[in-house]
Amino acid sequence: METVELNERQKKSRRGRNIALGIVLGALVVAFYLITLVKIGNMGQ
């Protein structure tokens, strides 16, 4: 099975895309967590 060798520009591009995806996913997790806290906090009222 052959593997494709990426050049430096492609590696850098892929790394940047992966970092951006990680940041977006992390932001979504934080947003869902905060929304959940707010909803639970308002249940007692």
C-alpha atoms as a PDB file:
ATOM      1  CA  MET A   1       0.000   0.000   0.000  1.00  0.00           C
ATOM      2  CA  GLU A   2       1.440   3.347  -1.038  1.00  0.00           C
ATOM      3  CA  THR A   3       1.230   6.463   1.067  1.00  0.00           C
ATOM      4  CA  VAL A   4       1.129   9.993  -0.253  1.00  0.00           C
ATOM      5  CA  GLU A   5       4.009  12.214   0.814  1.00  0.00           C
ATOM      6  CA  LEU A   6       2.922  15.758   1.618  1.00  0.00           C
ATOM      7  CA  ASN A   7       5.212  18.671   0.959  1.00  0.00           C
ATOM      8  CA  GLU A   8       5.898  21.295   3.630  1.00  0.00           C
ATOM      9  CA  ARG A   9       3.215  23.693   2.369  1.00  0.00           C
ATOM     10  CA  GLN A  10       0.574  20.966   2.497  1.00  0.00           C
ATOM     11  CA  LYS A  11       1.654  19.874   5.980  1.00  0.00           C
ATOM     12  CA  LYS A  12       1.474  23.461   7.227  1.00  0.00           C
ATOM     13  CA  SER A  13      -1.946  23.938   5.630  1.00  0.00           C
ATOM     14  CA  ARG A  14      -3.282  20.724   7.168  1.00  0.00           C
ATOM     15  CA  ARG A  15      -1.903  21.665  10.594  1.00  0.00           C
ATOM     16  CA  GLY A  16      -3.531  25.091  10.426  1.00  0.00           C
ATOM     17  CA  ARG A  17      -6.849  23.534   9.444  1.00  0.00           C
ATOM     18  CA  ASN A  18      -6.612  21.009  12.289  1.00  0.00           C
ATOM     19  CA  ILE A  19      -5.877  23.740  14.822  1.00  0.00           C
ATOM     20  CA  ALA A  20      -8.835  25.805  13.577  1.00  0.00           C
ATOM     21  CA  LEU A  21     -11.127  22.768  13.808  1.00  0.00           C
ATOM     22  CA  GLY A  22      -9.927  22.077  17.338  1.00  0.00           C
ATOM     23  CA  ILE A  23     -10.631  25.652  18.399  1.00  0.00           C
ATOM     24  CA  VAL A  24     -14.131  25.551  16.889  1.00  0.00           C
ATOM     25  CA  LEU A  25     -14.921  22.229  18.589  1.00  0.00           C
ATOM     26  CA  GLY A  26     -13.594  23.530  21.908  1.00  0.00           C
ATOM     27  CA  ALA A  27     -15.726  26.670  21.598  1.00  0.00           C
ATOM     28  CA  LEU A  28     -18.821  24.539  20.925  1.00  0.00           C
ATOM     29  CA  VAL A  29     -18.148  22.415  24.008  1.00  0.00           C
ATOM     30  CA  VAL A  30     -17.791  25.535  26.163  1.00  0.00           C
ATOM     31  CA  ALA A  31     -20.963  27.060  24.670  1.00  0.00           C
ATOM     32  CA  PHE A  32     -23.019  23.913  25.354  1.00  0.00           C
ATOM     33  CA  TYR A  33     -21.624  23.723  28.893  1.00  0.00           C
ATOM     34  CA  LEU A  34     -22.520  27.353  29.627  1.00  0.00           C
ATOM     35  CA  ILE A  35     -25.996  26.996  28.107  1.00  0.00           C
ATOM     36  CA  THR A  36     -26.588  23.904  30.249  1.00  0.00           C
ATOM     37  CA  LEU A  37     -25.481  25.739  33.403  1.00  0.00           C
ATOM     38  CA  VAL A  38     -27.803  28.648  32.642  1.00  0.00           C
ATOM     39  CA  LYS A  39     -30.774  26.353  31.981  1.00  0.00           C
ATOM     40  CA  ILE A  40     -30.171  24.337  35.172  1.00  0.00           C
ATOM     41  CA  GLY A  41     -29.715  27.539  37.157  1.00  0.00           C
ATOM     42  CA  ASN A  42     -33.054  28.919  35.932  1.00  0.00           C
ATOM     43  CA  MET A  43     -34.986  25.728  36.780  1.00  0.00           C
ATOM     44  CA  GLY A  44     -35.366  26.626  40.446  1.00  0.00           C
ATOM     45  CA  GLN A  45     -37.109  29.915  39.698  1.00  0.00           C
END
